[in-house]
Amino acid sequence: MAPHPDPSSLAARKAEVRRTALAARDALDPEARRAASDAIARTLLALPALLGAKLVAGYWPIRSEVDPRPAMTALAERGARLALPHVTPGGLVFREWYPGAALVRGGFGLSEPDPSLPEVAPDALLVPLAAFDRAGRRLGYGRGYYDGAIARLSEGRALLTVGLCFAAQEVPSVPVEPHDRSLSAIVTEAGSLSLEDPHG
């Protein structure tokens, strides 16, 4: 029987991959980052799998993340409903949002929808990330919020999960644990990497 990987060693590997990928993202020239975000939005909007999504959860960007807001506005104009994440003590939930609606300040420097709004269950998630690999494995920021939300929202139903990131964040291999969830597709300024939907 193969030995189980040492959890502390795996955590250290994840932390090192995360640091390296985020440093590469932060090092991108701001103008190049804006141009790349625009290219990512165009590719995202052309994804066939996203055409049928009725309720799409995006995110409000922080630090040097890909900005999904232009794509979210275009999705709303196309007839999709939108949602944004809200961090709660029980995990990540989503509440409906529309372009121009007020946001409140949340934890971790996040801008979140009004917490009094009811929870919704998106059928597509636009997911930020720290690093990714060609197998569709995503490395987040270490708190497991999206892994938990993907597991919950994909129970008994199809769920499209699209990671948005810059090509500089690609790594040869993302270390994974049993709770880590792969993505349906990954979009960078270099194009899209579509995978068989593991949540359908």
N, C-alpha and C. Protein backbone atom coordinates (compact mmCIF):
# COMPACT_ATOMS: atom_id res chain seq x y z
N MET A 1 0.85 -1.18 0.00
CA MET A 1 0.00 0.00 0.00
C MET A 1 0.90 1.25 0.00
N ALA A 2 0.58 2.18 -0.88
CA ALA A 2 1.39 3.39 -0.96
C ALA A 2 1.17 4.23 0.30
N PRO A 3 2.23 4.85 0.81
CA PRO A 3 2.08 5.67 2.01
C PRO A 3 1.26 6.93 1.70
N HIS A 4 0.50 7.39 2.68
CA HIS A 4 -0.24 8.63 2.51
C HIS A 4 0.73 9.80 2.53
N PRO A 5 0.51 10.82 1.69
CA PRO A 5 1.41 11.97 1.72
C PRO A 5 1.29 12.68 3.06
N ASP A 6 2.40 13.20 3.52
CA ASP A 6 2.43 13.95 4.76
C ASP A 6 1.64 15.25 4.57
N PRO A 7 0.58 15.47 5.36
CA PRO A 7 -0.23 16.68 5.18
C PRO A 7 0.58 17.97 5.32
N SER A 8 1.54 17.97 6.24
CA SER A 8 2.33 19.19 6.42
C SER A 8 3.21 19.45 5.21
N SER A 9 3.73 18.35 4.61
CA SER A 9 4.55 18.49 3.41
C SER A 9 3.70 18.99 2.24
N LEU A 10 2.48 18.46 2.11
CA LEU A 10 1.58 18.88 1.04
C LEU A 10 1.20 20.35 1.21
N ALA A 11 0.92 20.76 2.44
CA ALA A 11 0.58 22.16 2.70
C ALA A 11 1.75 23.07 2.34
N ALA A 12 2.96 22.63 2.63
CA ALA A 12 4.14 23.43 2.31
C ALA A 12 4.31 23.54 0.80
N ARG A 13 4.08 22.44 0.08
CA ARG A 13 4.18 22.48 -1.38
C ARG A 13 3.14 23.43 -1.96
N LYS A 14 1.89 23.34 -1.45
CA LYS A 14 0.85 24.24 -1.93
C LYS A 14 1.23 25.70 -1.68
N ALA A 15 1.74 25.97 -0.50
CA ALA A 15 2.10 27.35 -0.15
C ALA A 15 3.19 27.87 -1.08
N GLU A 16 4.15 27.02 -1.42
CA GLU A 16 5.24 27.46 -2.30
C GLU A 16 4.72 27.71 -3.72
N VAL A 17 3.88 26.79 -4.23
CA VAL A 17 3.30 26.99 -5.57
C VAL A 17 2.46 28.26 -5.59
N ARG A 18 1.68 28.48 -4.53
CA ARG A 18 0.83 29.67 -4.44
C ARG A 18 1.68 30.94 -4.47
N ARG A 19 2.74 30.96 -3.67
CA ARG A 19 3.62 32.14 -3.62
C ARG A 19 4.22 32.44 -4.98
N THR A 20 4.71 31.39 -5.64
CA THR A 20 5.36 31.57 -6.95
C THR A 20 4.38 32.11 -7.98
N ALA A 21 3.18 31.52 -8.05
CA ALA A 21 2.20 31.92 -9.06
C ALA A 21 1.67 33.33 -8.80
N LEU A 22 1.41 33.65 -7.53
CA LEU A 22 0.91 34.99 -7.22
C LEU A 22 1.98 36.05 -7.45
N ALA A 23 3.23 35.71 -7.22
CA ALA A 23 4.31 36.65 -7.52
C ALA A 23 4.38 36.93 -9.02
N ALA A 24 4.17 35.88 -9.82
CA ALA A 24 4.16 36.06 -11.28
C ALA A 24 2.99 36.93 -11.70
N ARG A 25 1.83 36.74 -11.07
CA ARG A 25 0.66 37.56 -11.39
C ARG A 25 0.89 39.02 -10.99
N ASP A 26 1.42 39.22 -9.79
CA ASP A 26 1.66 40.58 -9.31
C ASP A 26 2.69 41.32 -10.15
N ALA A 27 3.61 40.56 -10.76
CA ALA A 27 4.68 41.18 -11.54
C ALA A 27 4.23 41.66 -12.91
N LEU A 28 3.03 41.28 -13.32
CA LEU A 28 2.56 41.71 -14.64
C LEU A 28 2.35 43.22 -14.65
N ASP A 29 2.74 43.85 -15.75
CA ASP A 29 2.52 45.28 -15.92
C ASP A 29 1.02 45.58 -15.85
N PRO A 30 0.60 46.61 -15.10
CA PRO A 30 -0.84 46.90 -14.98
C PRO A 30 -1.56 47.06 -16.31
N GLU A 31 -0.91 47.68 -17.28
CA GLU A 31 -1.55 47.85 -18.58
C GLU A 31 -1.68 46.50 -19.29
N ALA A 32 -0.65 45.69 -19.19
CA ALA A 32 -0.72 44.35 -19.78
C ALA A 32 -1.80 43.53 -19.08
N ARG A 33 -1.96 43.72 -17.77
CA ARG A 33 -2.99 43.01 -17.03
C ARG A 33 -4.38 43.42 -17.50
N ARG A 34 -4.57 44.71 -17.74
CA ARG A 34 -5.87 45.19 -18.24
C ARG A 34 -6.17 44.62 -19.63
N ALA A 35 -5.16 44.65 -20.51
CA ALA A 35 -5.36 44.11 -21.86
C ALA A 35 -5.64 42.61 -21.80
N ALA A 36 -4.95 41.91 -20.91
CA ALA A 36 -5.18 40.47 -20.77
C ALA A 36 -6.58 40.20 -20.24
N SER A 37 -7.04 41.00 -19.28
CA SER A 37 -8.40 40.84 -18.75
C SER A 37 -9.43 41.02 -19.85
N ASP A 38 -9.21 41.98 -20.75
CA ASP A 38 -10.12 42.19 -21.87
C ASP A 38 -10.15 40.97 -22.79
N ALA A 39 -8.96 40.42 -23.07
CA ALA A 39 -8.89 39.23 -23.92
C ALA A 39 -9.57 38.04 -23.25
N ILE A 40 -9.40 37.91 -21.94
CA ILE A 40 -10.04 36.83 -21.20
C ILE A 40 -11.55 36.97 -21.27
N ALA A 41 -12.06 38.20 -21.15
CA ALA A 41 -13.50 38.43 -21.23
C ALA A 41 -14.05 38.00 -22.58
N ARG A 42 -13.33 38.33 -23.64
CA ARG A 42 -13.80 37.96 -24.99
C ARG A 42 -13.85 36.44 -25.16
N THR A 43 -12.81 35.76 -24.70
CA THR A 43 -12.79 34.30 -24.80
C THR A 43 -13.89 33.68 -23.94
N LEU A 44 -14.05 34.21 -22.74
CA LEU A 44 -15.08 33.70 -21.85
C LEU A 44 -16.47 33.80 -22.47
N LEU A 45 -16.78 34.94 -23.04
CA LEU A 45 -18.11 35.16 -23.61
C LEU A 45 -18.38 34.27 -24.81
N ALA A 46 -17.32 33.76 -25.43
CA ALA A 46 -17.48 32.89 -26.60
C ALA A 46 -17.55 31.41 -26.22
N LEU A 47 -17.40 31.08 -24.93
CA LEU A 47 -17.45 29.68 -24.53
C LEU A 47 -18.84 29.10 -24.77
N PRO A 48 -18.96 28.07 -25.58
CA PRO A 48 -20.28 27.48 -25.84
C PRO A 48 -20.98 27.01 -24.56
N ALA A 49 -20.22 26.48 -23.61
CA ALA A 49 -20.82 25.96 -22.39
C ALA A 49 -21.49 27.04 -21.55
N LEU A 50 -21.05 28.29 -21.74
CA LEU A 50 -21.60 29.38 -20.94
C LEU A 50 -22.88 29.95 -21.55
N LEU A 51 -23.14 29.62 -22.81
CA LEU A 51 -24.29 30.21 -23.50
C LEU A 51 -25.61 29.85 -22.83
N GLY A 52 -25.70 28.65 -22.26
CA GLY A 52 -26.96 28.23 -21.67
C GLY A 52 -27.10 28.56 -20.20
N ALA A 53 -26.08 29.22 -19.61
CA ALA A 53 -26.14 29.51 -18.18
C ALA A 53 -27.18 30.59 -17.90
N LYS A 54 -28.05 30.31 -16.94
CA LYS A 54 -29.11 31.26 -16.59
C LYS A 54 -28.70 32.17 -15.43
N LEU A 55 -27.90 31.65 -14.50
CA LEU A 55 -27.47 32.42 -13.33
C LEU A 55 -25.97 32.20 -13.15
N VAL A 56 -25.20 33.24 -13.40
CA VAL A 56 -23.74 33.16 -13.40
C VAL A 56 -23.20 33.93 -12.20
N ALA A 57 -22.41 33.27 -11.38
CA ALA A 57 -21.76 33.93 -10.26
C ALA A 57 -20.36 34.36 -10.68
N GLY A 58 -20.10 35.63 -10.59
CA GLY A 58 -18.76 36.15 -10.83
C GLY A 58 -18.10 36.47 -9.50
N TYR A 59 -17.22 37.46 -9.50
CA TYR A 59 -16.58 37.90 -8.27
C TYR A 59 -16.11 39.33 -8.48
N TRP A 60 -15.94 40.05 -7.39
CA TRP A 60 -15.41 41.41 -7.45
C TRP A 60 -13.91 41.32 -7.24
N PRO A 61 -13.10 41.76 -8.21
CA PRO A 61 -11.66 41.49 -8.14
C PRO A 61 -10.96 42.25 -7.01
N ILE A 62 -9.97 41.60 -6.43
CA ILE A 62 -9.08 42.24 -5.46
C ILE A 62 -7.66 42.05 -5.93
N ARG A 63 -6.79 42.91 -5.41
CA ARG A 63 -5.36 42.87 -5.75
C ARG A 63 -5.17 42.77 -7.27
N SER A 64 -4.43 41.79 -7.73
CA SER A 64 -4.08 41.72 -9.16
C SER A 64 -4.89 40.66 -9.91
N GLU A 65 -6.06 40.29 -9.38
CA GLU A 65 -6.89 39.28 -10.04
C GLU A 65 -7.39 39.75 -11.41
N VAL A 66 -7.70 38.78 -12.26
CA VAL A 66 -8.40 39.07 -13.52
C VAL A 66 -9.71 39.79 -13.17
N ASP A 67 -10.01 40.84 -13.92
CA ASP A 67 -11.24 41.61 -13.69
C ASP A 67 -12.37 41.00 -14.54
N PRO A 68 -13.34 40.35 -13.93
CA PRO A 68 -14.43 39.74 -14.70
C PRO A 68 -15.61 40.66 -14.93
N ARG A 69 -15.55 41.90 -14.43
CA ARG A 69 -16.74 42.76 -14.46
C ARG A 69 -17.23 43.11 -15.86
N PRO A 70 -16.33 43.39 -16.83
CA PRO A 70 -16.85 43.63 -18.19
C PRO A 70 -17.60 42.42 -18.75
N ALA A 71 -17.08 41.22 -18.50
CA ALA A 71 -17.77 40.01 -18.97
C ALA A 71 -19.10 39.84 -18.25
N MET A 72 -19.14 40.16 -16.97
CA MET A 72 -20.39 40.03 -16.22
C MET A 72 -21.45 40.99 -16.76
N THR A 73 -21.03 42.21 -17.08
CA THR A 73 -21.97 43.18 -17.67
C THR A 73 -22.50 42.66 -19.00
N ALA A 74 -21.60 42.11 -19.82
CA ALA A 74 -22.03 41.57 -21.11
C ALA A 74 -22.97 40.38 -20.93
N LEU A 75 -22.71 39.55 -19.93
CA LEU A 75 -23.60 38.42 -19.67
C LEU A 75 -24.99 38.91 -19.27
N ALA A 76 -25.05 39.97 -18.46
CA ALA A 76 -26.34 40.53 -18.06
C ALA A 76 -27.08 41.07 -19.28
N GLU A 77 -26.35 41.72 -20.17
CA GLU A 77 -26.97 42.25 -21.39
C GLU A 77 -27.46 41.13 -22.28
N ARG A 78 -26.87 39.97 -22.14
CA ARG A 78 -27.26 38.79 -22.92
C ARG A 78 -28.45 38.07 -22.29
N GLY A 79 -28.86 38.52 -21.10
CA GLY A 79 -30.04 37.94 -20.47
C GLY A 79 -29.78 37.07 -19.26
N ALA A 80 -28.51 36.87 -18.91
CA ALA A 80 -28.19 36.05 -17.74
C ALA A 80 -28.40 36.84 -16.45
N ARG A 81 -28.83 36.17 -15.39
CA ARG A 81 -28.83 36.76 -14.06
C ARG A 81 -27.42 36.60 -13.48
N LEU A 82 -27.06 37.48 -12.57
CA LEU A 82 -25.72 37.48 -11.99
C LEU A 82 -25.79 37.30 -10.48
N ALA A 83 -24.71 36.81 -9.92
CA ALA A 83 -24.58 36.70 -8.47
C ALA A 83 -23.13 36.97 -8.10
N LEU A 84 -22.94 37.32 -6.83
CA LEU A 84 -21.60 37.51 -6.28
C LEU A 84 -21.47 36.69 -5.00
N PRO A 85 -20.25 36.31 -4.65
CA PRO A 85 -20.04 35.51 -3.44
C PRO A 85 -20.10 36.36 -2.18
N HIS A 86 -20.51 35.72 -1.10
CA HIS A 86 -20.53 36.33 0.23
C HIS A 86 -19.92 35.31 1.19
N VAL A 87 -18.86 35.71 1.87
CA VAL A 87 -18.20 34.82 2.83
C VAL A 87 -18.98 34.85 4.13
N THR A 88 -19.44 33.68 4.57
CA THR A 88 -20.18 33.56 5.83
C THR A 88 -19.43 32.59 6.74
N PRO A 89 -19.79 32.55 8.04
CA PRO A 89 -19.13 31.58 8.92
C PRO A 89 -19.29 30.13 8.45
N GLY A 90 -20.36 29.85 7.72
CA GLY A 90 -20.59 28.49 7.23
C GLY A 90 -19.97 28.21 5.87
N GLY A 91 -19.31 29.19 5.27
CA GLY A 91 -18.72 28.99 3.96
C GLY A 91 -19.15 30.06 2.97
N LEU A 92 -18.93 29.78 1.70
CA LEU A 92 -19.23 30.74 0.64
C LEU A 92 -20.65 30.53 0.14
N VAL A 93 -21.44 31.60 0.13
CA VAL A 93 -22.78 31.56 -0.46
C VAL A 93 -22.84 32.62 -1.54
N PHE A 94 -23.88 32.58 -2.36
CA PHE A 94 -24.01 33.52 -3.46
C PHE A 94 -25.34 34.25 -3.36
N ARG A 95 -25.30 35.55 -3.66
CA ARG A 95 -26.51 36.37 -3.62
C ARG A 95 -26.61 37.12 -4.94
N GLU A 96 -27.84 37.30 -5.41
CA GLU A 96 -28.04 37.92 -6.72
C GLU A 96 -27.53 39.36 -6.72
N TRP A 97 -27.00 39.76 -7.85
CA TRP A 97 -26.43 41.10 -8.02
C TRP A 97 -26.65 41.52 -9.46
N TYR A 98 -26.76 42.81 -9.68
CA TYR A 98 -26.84 43.32 -11.05
C TYR A 98 -25.90 44.51 -11.17
N PRO A 99 -25.39 44.78 -12.37
CA PRO A 99 -24.43 45.88 -12.54
C PRO A 99 -25.01 47.20 -12.00
N GLY A 100 -24.23 47.85 -11.17
CA GLY A 100 -24.65 49.11 -10.57
C GLY A 100 -25.21 48.98 -9.18
N ALA A 101 -25.56 47.76 -8.75
CA ALA A 101 -26.11 47.55 -7.41
C ALA A 101 -25.03 47.80 -6.37
N ALA A 102 -25.44 48.36 -5.24
CA ALA A 102 -24.49 48.68 -4.17
C ALA A 102 -23.90 47.41 -3.57
N LEU A 103 -22.67 47.53 -3.10
CA LEU A 103 -21.98 46.44 -2.44
C LEU A 103 -21.58 46.87 -1.03
N VAL A 104 -21.31 45.91 -0.18
CA VAL A 104 -20.86 46.20 1.17
C VAL A 104 -19.46 45.64 1.36
N ARG A 105 -18.76 46.18 2.34
CA ARG A 105 -17.40 45.74 2.61
C ARG A 105 -17.43 44.44 3.40
N GLY A 106 -16.76 43.42 2.89
CA GLY A 106 -16.71 42.15 3.58
C GLY A 106 -15.33 41.87 4.13
N GLY A 107 -15.15 40.67 4.64
CA GLY A 107 -13.85 40.27 5.14
C GLY A 107 -12.83 40.09 4.03
N PHE A 108 -11.55 40.09 4.38
CA PHE A 108 -10.45 39.88 3.42
C PHE A 108 -10.39 40.98 2.36
N GLY A 109 -11.00 42.16 2.63
CA GLY A 109 -10.98 43.24 1.65
C GLY A 109 -11.94 43.05 0.50
N LEU A 110 -12.91 42.14 0.65
CA LEU A 110 -13.84 41.84 -0.43
C LEU A 110 -15.00 42.83 -0.48
N SER A 111 -15.51 43.04 -1.67
CA SER A 111 -16.77 43.76 -1.86
C SER A 111 -17.85 42.72 -2.13
N GLU A 112 -18.91 42.74 -1.32
CA GLU A 112 -19.90 41.68 -1.36
C GLU A 112 -21.31 42.25 -1.52
N PRO A 113 -22.25 41.42 -1.99
CA PRO A 113 -23.64 41.88 -2.09
C PRO A 113 -24.26 42.05 -0.70
N ASP A 114 -25.35 42.77 -0.66
CA ASP A 114 -26.09 43.00 0.58
C ASP A 114 -26.39 41.66 1.26
N PRO A 115 -25.92 41.45 2.50
CA PRO A 115 -26.13 40.16 3.15
C PRO A 115 -27.59 39.85 3.49
N SER A 116 -28.46 40.84 3.36
CA SER A 116 -29.88 40.58 3.62
C SER A 116 -30.58 39.94 2.42
N LEU A 117 -29.92 39.93 1.28
CA LEU A 117 -30.51 39.32 0.08
C LEU A 117 -30.51 37.80 0.23
N PRO A 118 -31.50 37.11 -0.36
CA PRO A 118 -31.54 35.65 -0.24
C PRO A 118 -30.40 34.99 -1.00
N GLU A 119 -30.06 33.79 -0.56
CA GLU A 119 -29.06 33.00 -1.27
C GLU A 119 -29.64 32.49 -2.59
N VAL A 120 -28.77 32.34 -3.59
CA VAL A 120 -29.18 31.77 -4.87
C VAL A 120 -28.21 30.63 -5.21
N ALA A 121 -28.59 29.79 -6.15
CA ALA A 121 -27.76 28.65 -6.56
C ALA A 121 -27.37 28.81 -8.02
N PRO A 122 -26.24 29.41 -8.31
CA PRO A 122 -25.81 29.61 -9.70
C PRO A 122 -25.61 28.28 -10.43
N ASP A 123 -25.79 28.30 -11.75
CA ASP A 123 -25.46 27.12 -12.54
C ASP A 123 -24.11 27.26 -13.23
N ALA A 124 -23.46 28.42 -13.04
CA ALA A 124 -22.11 28.62 -13.55
C ALA A 124 -21.36 29.53 -12.58
N LEU A 125 -20.11 29.18 -12.33
CA LEU A 125 -19.26 29.98 -11.45
C LEU A 125 -18.03 30.45 -12.22
N LEU A 126 -17.73 31.75 -12.13
CA LEU A 126 -16.45 32.29 -12.58
C LEU A 126 -15.57 32.32 -11.35
N VAL A 127 -14.44 31.62 -11.42
CA VAL A 127 -13.68 31.34 -10.20
C VAL A 127 -12.29 31.99 -10.27
N PRO A 128 -11.94 32.80 -9.28
CA PRO A 128 -10.57 33.31 -9.21
C PRO A 128 -9.64 32.23 -8.67
N LEU A 129 -8.37 32.38 -8.89
CA LEU A 129 -7.44 31.36 -8.42
C LEU A 129 -6.04 31.92 -8.30
N ALA A 130 -5.19 31.15 -7.61
CA ALA A 130 -3.80 31.52 -7.47
C ALA A 130 -2.94 30.86 -8.55
N ALA A 131 -3.22 29.57 -8.83
CA ALA A 131 -2.43 28.83 -9.80
C ALA A 131 -3.29 27.75 -10.43
N PHE A 132 -2.86 27.26 -11.60
CA PHE A 132 -3.58 26.18 -12.27
C PHE A 132 -2.60 25.34 -13.05
N ASP A 133 -3.06 24.14 -13.42
CA ASP A 133 -2.24 23.32 -14.31
C ASP A 133 -3.10 22.81 -15.47
N ARG A 134 -2.47 22.12 -16.39
CA ARG A 134 -3.15 21.70 -17.63
C ARG A 134 -4.22 20.64 -17.39
N ALA A 135 -4.25 20.05 -16.23
CA ALA A 135 -5.29 19.06 -15.91
C ALA A 135 -6.55 19.71 -15.36
N GLY A 136 -6.54 21.04 -15.25
CA GLY A 136 -7.71 21.74 -14.73
C GLY A 136 -7.73 21.86 -13.23
N ARG A 137 -6.61 21.51 -12.60
CA ARG A 137 -6.55 21.63 -11.14
C ARG A 137 -6.28 23.08 -10.77
N ARG A 138 -7.02 23.54 -9.76
CA ARG A 138 -6.95 24.93 -9.32
C ARG A 138 -6.36 24.98 -7.92
N LEU A 139 -5.49 25.94 -7.71
CA LEU A 139 -5.01 26.23 -6.37
C LEU A 139 -5.56 27.59 -5.97
N GLY A 140 -6.35 27.60 -4.90
CA GLY A 140 -6.95 28.84 -4.45
C GLY A 140 -6.06 29.54 -3.44
N TYR A 141 -6.70 30.29 -2.55
CA TYR A 141 -5.94 31.09 -1.59
C TYR A 141 -5.78 30.40 -0.25
N GLY A 142 -6.20 29.15 -0.16
CA GLY A 142 -5.88 28.36 1.02
C GLY A 142 -6.98 28.20 2.04
N ARG A 143 -8.15 28.76 1.80
CA ARG A 143 -9.22 28.66 2.78
C ARG A 143 -10.32 27.67 2.37
N GLY A 144 -10.29 27.19 1.13
CA GLY A 144 -11.23 26.15 0.71
C GLY A 144 -12.65 26.62 0.45
N TYR A 145 -12.85 27.93 0.36
CA TYR A 145 -14.22 28.43 0.18
C TYR A 145 -14.84 27.92 -1.12
N TYR A 146 -14.11 28.04 -2.22
CA TYR A 146 -14.69 27.63 -3.50
C TYR A 146 -14.82 26.11 -3.59
N ASP A 147 -13.89 25.37 -3.01
CA ASP A 147 -14.02 23.91 -3.02
C ASP A 147 -15.33 23.49 -2.35
N GLY A 148 -15.62 24.10 -1.21
CA GLY A 148 -16.86 23.78 -0.51
C GLY A 148 -18.09 24.18 -1.29
N ALA A 149 -18.04 25.37 -1.89
CA ALA A 149 -19.20 25.84 -2.66
C ALA A 149 -19.44 24.98 -3.89
N ILE A 150 -18.37 24.58 -4.58
CA ILE A 150 -18.52 23.74 -5.76
C ILE A 150 -19.09 22.38 -5.37
N ALA A 151 -18.60 21.82 -4.29
CA ALA A 151 -19.13 20.52 -3.84
C ALA A 151 -20.62 20.63 -3.53
N ARG A 152 -21.02 21.70 -2.88
CA ARG A 152 -22.43 21.86 -2.49
C ARG A 152 -23.32 22.12 -3.70
N LEU A 153 -22.88 23.03 -4.57
CA LEU A 153 -23.73 23.42 -5.70
C LEU A 153 -23.81 22.36 -6.79
N SER A 154 -22.87 21.43 -6.81
CA SER A 154 -22.87 20.41 -7.86
C SER A 154 -23.60 19.13 -7.45
N GLU A 155 -24.13 19.12 -6.24
CA GLU A 155 -24.86 17.93 -5.78
C GLU A 155 -26.14 17.75 -6.59
N GLY A 156 -26.20 16.66 -7.37
CA GLY A 156 -27.40 16.34 -8.11
C GLY A 156 -27.70 17.22 -9.30
N ARG A 157 -26.75 18.03 -9.72
CA ARG A 157 -27.01 18.94 -10.86
C ARG A 157 -25.69 19.27 -11.55
N ALA A 158 -25.83 19.70 -12.79
CA ALA A 158 -24.65 20.13 -13.54
C ALA A 158 -24.22 21.51 -13.05
N LEU A 159 -22.94 21.71 -12.92
CA LEU A 159 -22.39 23.00 -12.52
C LEU A 159 -21.17 23.30 -13.37
N LEU A 160 -21.20 24.41 -14.08
CA LEU A 160 -20.07 24.85 -14.90
C LEU A 160 -19.15 25.70 -14.03
N THR A 161 -17.89 25.35 -13.98
CA THR A 161 -16.91 26.12 -13.21
C THR A 161 -15.79 26.56 -14.14
N VAL A 162 -15.61 27.87 -14.26
CA VAL A 162 -14.61 28.41 -15.19
C VAL A 162 -13.61 29.25 -14.40
N GLY A 163 -12.37 28.80 -14.39
CA GLY A 163 -11.32 29.56 -13.73
C GLY A 163 -10.83 30.68 -14.62
N LEU A 164 -10.67 31.87 -14.05
CA LEU A 164 -10.16 33.03 -14.78
C LEU A 164 -8.80 33.41 -14.21
N CYS A 165 -7.79 33.43 -15.06
CA CYS A 165 -6.45 33.70 -14.58
C CYS A 165 -5.56 34.11 -15.74
N PHE A 166 -4.39 34.60 -15.41
CA PHE A 166 -3.41 34.96 -16.42
C PHE A 166 -2.52 33.76 -16.74
N ALA A 167 -2.02 33.72 -17.96
CA ALA A 167 -1.18 32.59 -18.38
C ALA A 167 0.04 32.43 -17.47
N ALA A 168 0.51 33.52 -16.90
CA ALA A 168 1.68 33.48 -16.02
C ALA A 168 1.43 32.66 -14.76
N GLN A 169 0.16 32.37 -14.45
CA GLN A 169 -0.16 31.62 -13.24
C GLN A 169 -0.15 30.11 -13.46
N GLU A 170 0.14 29.67 -14.67
CA GLU A 170 0.20 28.23 -14.92
C GLU A 170 1.44 27.62 -14.28
N VAL A 171 1.26 26.46 -13.67
CA VAL A 171 2.37 25.72 -13.07
C VAL A 171 2.35 24.30 -13.63
N PRO A 172 3.47 23.57 -13.55
CA PRO A 172 3.48 22.21 -14.12
C PRO A 172 2.47 21.29 -13.48
N SER A 173 2.29 21.37 -12.17
CA SER A 173 1.36 20.48 -11.49
C SER A 173 0.93 21.11 -10.17
N VAL A 174 -0.39 21.15 -9.95
CA VAL A 174 -0.93 21.66 -8.69
C VAL A 174 -1.06 20.51 -7.70
N PRO A 175 -0.47 20.63 -6.52
CA PRO A 175 -0.65 19.59 -5.50
C PRO A 175 -2.12 19.56 -5.05
N VAL A 176 -2.69 18.38 -4.90
CA VAL A 176 -4.12 18.29 -4.57
C VAL A 176 -4.35 17.42 -3.35
N GLU A 177 -5.45 17.71 -2.68
CA GLU A 177 -5.97 16.90 -1.58
C GLU A 177 -7.35 16.39 -1.99
N PRO A 178 -7.91 15.43 -1.25
CA PRO A 178 -9.20 14.85 -1.65
C PRO A 178 -10.33 15.87 -1.80
N HIS A 179 -10.30 16.96 -1.02
CA HIS A 179 -11.40 17.93 -1.10
C HIS A 179 -11.24 18.92 -2.25
N ASP A 180 -10.07 18.96 -2.88
CA ASP A 180 -9.83 19.93 -3.95
C ASP A 180 -10.65 19.59 -5.18
N ARG A 181 -11.27 20.58 -5.77
CA ARG A 181 -12.15 20.37 -6.92
C ARG A 181 -11.50 20.93 -8.19
N SER A 182 -11.48 20.10 -9.25
CA SER A 182 -11.00 20.57 -10.55
C SER A 182 -12.08 21.44 -11.20
N LEU A 183 -11.67 22.13 -12.26
CA LEU A 183 -12.57 23.05 -12.95
C LEU A 183 -13.05 22.48 -14.27
N SER A 184 -14.18 23.01 -14.76
CA SER A 184 -14.69 22.59 -16.06
C SER A 184 -13.86 23.17 -17.20
N ALA A 185 -13.39 24.40 -17.01
CA ALA A 185 -12.60 25.09 -18.03
C ALA A 185 -11.75 26.15 -17.35
N ILE A 186 -10.69 26.53 -18.01
CA ILE A 186 -9.82 27.61 -17.54
C ILE A 186 -9.61 28.55 -18.71
N VAL A 187 -9.74 29.85 -18.45
CA VAL A 187 -9.57 30.85 -19.49
C VAL A 187 -8.44 31.80 -19.10
N THR A 188 -7.47 31.95 -20.00
CA THR A 188 -6.41 32.93 -19.84
C THR A 188 -6.39 33.80 -21.10
N GLU A 189 -5.49 34.78 -21.10
CA GLU A 189 -5.38 35.62 -22.30
C GLU A 189 -4.86 34.84 -23.50
N ALA A 190 -4.30 33.65 -23.26
CA ALA A 190 -3.80 32.81 -24.34
C ALA A 190 -4.88 31.92 -24.94
N GLY A 191 -6.08 31.93 -24.33
CA GLY A 191 -7.18 31.10 -24.85
C GLY A 191 -7.83 30.32 -23.74
N SER A 192 -8.58 29.29 -24.11
CA SER A 192 -9.31 28.51 -23.11
C SER A 192 -8.82 27.06 -23.11
N LEU A 193 -8.83 26.50 -21.93
CA LEU A 193 -8.53 25.09 -21.73
C LEU A 193 -9.81 24.47 -21.22
N SER A 194 -10.53 23.76 -22.11
CA SER A 194 -11.80 23.16 -21.73
C SER A 194 -11.57 21.71 -21.37
N LEU A 195 -12.18 21.31 -20.28
CA LEU A 195 -12.04 19.96 -19.79
C LEU A 195 -13.40 19.33 -19.68
N GLU A 196 -13.44 18.02 -19.58
CA GLU A 196 -14.72 17.36 -19.34
C GLU A 196 -15.24 17.82 -18.00
N ASP A 197 -16.48 18.27 -17.96
CA ASP A 197 -17.04 18.84 -16.73
C ASP A 197 -17.08 17.78 -15.63
N PRO A 198 -16.28 17.96 -14.57
CA PRO A 198 -16.28 16.97 -13.50
C PRO A 198 -17.44 17.13 -12.54
N HIS A 199 -18.27 18.15 -12.75
CA HIS A 199 -19.35 18.41 -11.80
C HIS A 199 -20.73 18.14 -12.40
N GLY A 200 -20.77 17.63 -13.62
CA GLY A 200 -22.06 17.40 -14.26
C GLY A 200 -22.62 16.04 -13.94
